[in-house]
Amino acid sequence: DGVWEEWTETSSCTVTCGGGKKTYSRKCIQPQHGGKACEGDASKKEICGEEECPGTLKQCDTFPVVRNVMIPWNPDRESITVSTDSVAGSNETVGVIFNDEDGNWAGSLFIYFKTQIKYTIGWCTFRATPFPVTLPTETQKTWMITYDYTEQRIVFYCNGVQVLNVVVSDSVCTRWSTTNSWRDWWKRKPAQIKFH
């Protein structure tokens, strides 16, 4: 029967800290005179670079907004949690810009404290839109944002209440933009974020 050679590292870790993936492959030595081929996969990915990065966001941590500083971020393992004390009518804005590992724009989220608290999501919604549910009334709000890259689904929570659940795929967002470069934003996997 076929026999696998040892695993060989075929790509270095995708990040230096904060959790990434490394690829390994192996070759099958085929049987000489009949017999079964090797069973199993010829490649695999393993988690690497798990050391904590300075300023890395962790699940359920509240992160003080430091604007225009790029922070490593892994959407598969971390949510974004931001605490605000802005009130409707203060005209303040909190924005989160997503970039891929090469620094290309990969989407954005903004919360606007207008007469009504509203949001925009990258090119998917150009107009500030009220949240579809009533937000908690406390002035101090803790916003948790999760992003499932596989499903292209963004979920907002405010003080533990889910206030938005939206898919940012072409099928949902194309009607807002015909500019191809904007439409590619959410196709790039975020690897870092900054507050704007």
Protein backbone atom coordinates (compact mmCIF):
# COMPACT_ATOMS: atom_id res chain seq x y z
CA ASP A 1 0.00 0.00 0.00
CA GLY A 2 0.97 3.65 -0.39
CA VAL A 3 2.99 5.27 2.40
CA TRP A 4 3.08 8.96 3.33
CA GLU A 5 6.38 10.81 3.63
CA GLU A 6 6.90 13.13 6.62
CA TRP A 7 5.01 16.45 6.75
CA THR A 8 6.95 19.42 5.25
CA GLU A 9 6.27 23.07 6.00
CA THR A 10 5.19 24.66 2.71
CA SER A 11 4.28 28.15 3.91
CA SER A 12 5.44 30.26 6.81
CA CYS A 13 3.03 31.56 9.43
CA THR A 14 0.59 34.16 8.05
CA VAL A 15 1.23 36.45 11.05
CA THR A 16 4.02 37.10 13.56
CA CYS A 17 1.63 37.36 16.51
CA GLY A 18 -2.06 37.20 17.35
CA GLY A 19 -2.76 33.80 15.79
CA GLY A 20 -2.37 32.76 12.16
CA LYS A 21 -2.03 29.63 10.05
CA LYS A 22 0.88 27.68 8.58
CA THR A 23 0.55 25.11 5.76
CA TYR A 24 2.17 21.67 5.66
CA SER A 25 2.19 19.12 2.86
CA ARG A 26 3.34 15.55 2.35
CA LYS A 27 3.87 13.24 -0.59
CA CYS A 28 2.52 9.77 -1.06
CA ILE A 29 4.96 7.03 -2.07
CA GLN A 30 2.76 5.04 -4.40
CA PRO A 31 2.65 1.24 -4.10
CA GLN A 32 5.05 -0.55 -6.47
CA HIS A 33 2.93 -3.56 -7.41
CA GLY A 34 -0.72 -2.68 -6.90
CA GLY A 35 -2.23 -2.00 -3.51
CA LYS A 36 -4.12 0.97 -2.14
CA ALA A 37 -3.19 4.59 -2.58
CA CYS A 38 -2.40 6.64 0.54
CA GLU A 39 -5.41 7.52 2.66
CA GLY A 40 -5.81 10.99 4.15
CA ASP A 41 -4.99 14.53 3.12
CA ALA A 42 -1.86 15.68 1.32
CA SER A 43 -1.94 19.08 3.04
CA LYS A 44 -3.00 20.55 6.37
CA LYS A 45 -3.06 23.90 8.16
CA GLU A 46 -2.12 24.47 11.77
CA ILE A 47 -2.43 27.46 14.06
CA CYS A 48 0.82 29.37 14.64
CA GLY A 49 2.05 32.75 15.87
CA GLU A 50 -0.22 32.64 18.90
CA GLU A 51 1.90 35.03 20.95
CA GLU A 52 -0.10 38.05 22.08
CA CYS A 53 0.45 41.20 20.01
CA PRO A 54 0.75 44.58 21.71
CA GLY A 55 -2.71 46.14 21.65
CA THR A 56 -4.43 42.97 20.39
CA LEU A 57 -8.15 42.87 21.07
CA LYS A 58 -9.45 39.90 23.00
CA GLN A 59 -12.95 38.47 23.24
CA CYS A 60 -14.99 40.54 25.69
CA ASP A 61 -12.22 43.09 26.40
CA THR A 62 -13.22 46.73 26.21
CA PHE A 63 -10.67 48.60 24.14
CA PRO A 64 -10.18 52.35 24.51
CA VAL A 65 -10.54 54.03 21.14
CA VAL A 66 -7.10 55.14 19.97
CA ARG A 67 -7.67 56.57 16.52
CA ASN A 68 -5.58 55.85 13.41
CA VAL A 69 -3.38 53.16 15.01
CA MET A 70 -3.30 49.83 13.14
CA ILE A 71 -3.94 46.86 15.45
CA PRO A 72 -3.52 43.16 14.46
CA TRP A 73 -6.91 41.42 14.52
CA ASN A 74 -8.15 37.92 13.75
CA PRO A 75 -11.90 37.83 13.00
CA ASP A 76 -11.95 34.04 13.45
CA ARG A 77 -10.94 34.38 17.10
CA GLU A 78 -11.78 37.88 18.30
CA SER A 79 -14.66 40.29 18.49
CA ILE A 80 -14.26 44.06 18.61
CA THR A 81 -15.59 45.55 21.82
CA VAL A 82 -15.71 49.31 22.25
CA SER A 83 -17.17 51.32 25.10
CA THR A 84 -18.79 54.70 24.31
CA ASP A 85 -20.43 57.35 26.45
CA SER A 86 -21.64 59.47 23.51
CA VAL A 87 -25.33 60.29 23.38
CA ALA A 88 -27.69 60.79 20.46
CA GLY A 89 -27.33 64.35 19.21
CA SER A 90 -23.64 64.70 20.20
CA ASN A 91 -22.62 64.38 16.52
CA GLU A 92 -19.72 62.11 17.46
CA THR A 93 -18.62 59.23 15.24
CA VAL A 94 -16.84 55.96 15.99
CA GLY A 95 -15.43 54.18 12.93
CA VAL A 96 -13.62 50.87 12.50
CA ILE A 97 -11.52 50.40 9.35
CA PHE A 98 -10.59 46.84 8.33
CA ASN A 99 -7.39 46.08 6.39
CA ASP A 100 -6.12 42.77 5.04
CA GLU A 101 -2.61 41.48 5.85
CA ASP A 102 -1.19 43.49 2.91
CA GLY A 103 -2.72 46.74 4.18
CA ASN A 104 -5.52 46.87 1.57
CA TRP A 105 -8.87 48.26 2.70
CA ALA A 106 -11.18 45.34 3.59
CA GLY A 107 -14.30 47.17 4.80
CA SER A 108 -15.47 49.64 7.41
CA LEU A 109 -18.13 50.19 10.07
CA PHE A 110 -19.27 53.52 11.48
CA ILE A 111 -21.60 54.47 14.33
CA TYR A 112 -22.99 58.01 14.19
CA PHE A 113 -24.42 59.73 17.25
CA LYS A 114 -26.82 62.02 15.35
CA THR A 115 -30.30 62.91 16.63
CA GLN A 116 -30.78 59.18 16.27
CA ILE A 117 -27.89 56.69 16.60
CA LYS A 118 -27.19 55.28 13.12
CA TYR A 119 -24.65 53.10 11.33
CA THR A 120 -23.02 52.51 7.94
CA ILE A 121 -21.21 49.39 6.72
CA GLY A 122 -18.54 50.06 4.09
CA TRP A 123 -19.90 50.29 0.57
CA CYS A 124 -22.85 48.11 1.58
CA THR A 125 -24.79 51.00 3.11
CA PHE A 126 -23.81 54.51 2.08
CA ARG A 127 -26.53 56.31 3.98
CA ALA A 128 -26.45 56.38 7.76
CA THR A 129 -29.26 54.02 8.74
CA PRO A 130 -31.03 53.67 12.10
CA PHE A 131 -30.47 50.35 13.84
CA PRO A 132 -33.46 48.04 13.19
CA VAL A 133 -34.15 47.58 16.91
CA THR A 134 -34.39 50.02 19.81
CA LEU A 135 -30.98 50.52 21.40
CA PRO A 136 -30.48 50.24 25.17
CA THR A 137 -31.11 53.62 26.81
CA GLU A 138 -28.00 53.77 29.03
CA THR A 139 -25.53 56.53 28.12
CA GLN A 140 -22.59 54.16 28.67
CA LYS A 141 -22.78 51.62 25.85
CA THR A 142 -20.58 48.63 25.19
CA TRP A 143 -20.59 47.71 21.50
CA MET A 144 -19.43 44.24 20.52
CA ILE A 145 -18.93 43.59 16.82
CA THR A 146 -18.33 40.11 15.45
CA TYR A 147 -17.42 39.32 11.86
CA ASP A 148 -17.81 35.82 10.43
CA TYR A 149 -15.64 36.08 7.31
CA THR A 150 -16.82 32.70 5.95
CA GLU A 151 -20.46 33.81 5.96
CA GLN A 152 -19.57 37.50 5.43
CA ARG A 153 -21.86 38.23 8.37
CA ILE A 154 -21.49 41.19 10.73
CA VAL A 155 -23.34 41.21 14.04
CA PHE A 156 -23.54 44.23 16.37
CA TYR A 157 -24.42 43.92 20.05
CA CYS A 158 -25.10 46.90 22.30
CA ASN A 159 -24.98 46.24 26.04
CA GLY A 160 -25.52 42.54 25.33
CA VAL A 161 -28.52 43.06 23.01
CA GLN A 162 -28.18 42.06 19.36
CA VAL A 163 -29.04 45.20 17.39
CA LEU A 164 -27.88 44.29 13.87
CA ASN A 165 -27.20 41.10 11.92
CA VAL A 166 -26.27 41.68 8.26
CA VAL A 167 -24.51 39.83 5.43
CA VAL A 168 -22.04 41.92 3.41
CA SER A 169 -21.99 39.78 0.27
CA ASP A 170 -22.40 40.87 -3.36
CA SER A 171 -25.96 39.56 -3.41
CA VAL A 172 -26.93 41.96 -0.63
CA CYS A 173 -24.67 44.96 -1.28
CA THR A 174 -24.26 45.23 -5.07
CA ARG A 175 -27.25 47.55 -5.42
CA TRP A 176 -25.36 50.25 -3.48
CA SER A 177 -22.22 50.38 -5.59
CA THR A 178 -21.08 49.55 -9.09
CA THR A 179 -17.48 50.54 -8.30
CA ASN A 180 -15.55 47.26 -8.43
CA SER A 181 -12.77 48.34 -6.06
CA TRP A 182 -15.34 49.14 -3.35
CA ARG A 183 -17.18 45.90 -3.96
CA ASP A 184 -13.95 43.95 -3.36
CA TRP A 185 -13.53 45.29 0.19
CA TRP A 186 -15.47 42.58 1.98
CA LYS A 187 -13.88 39.82 -0.16
CA ARG A 188 -10.55 40.49 1.56
CA LYS A 189 -10.05 38.83 4.93
CA PRO A 190 -9.33 41.41 7.63
CA ALA A 191 -6.07 40.97 9.52
CA GLN A 192 -5.83 44.38 11.20
CA ILE A 193 -8.11 47.22 12.22
CA LYS A 194 -7.87 50.85 13.18
CA PHE A 195 -10.36 53.23 14.75
CA HIS A 196 -11.22 56.34 12.77
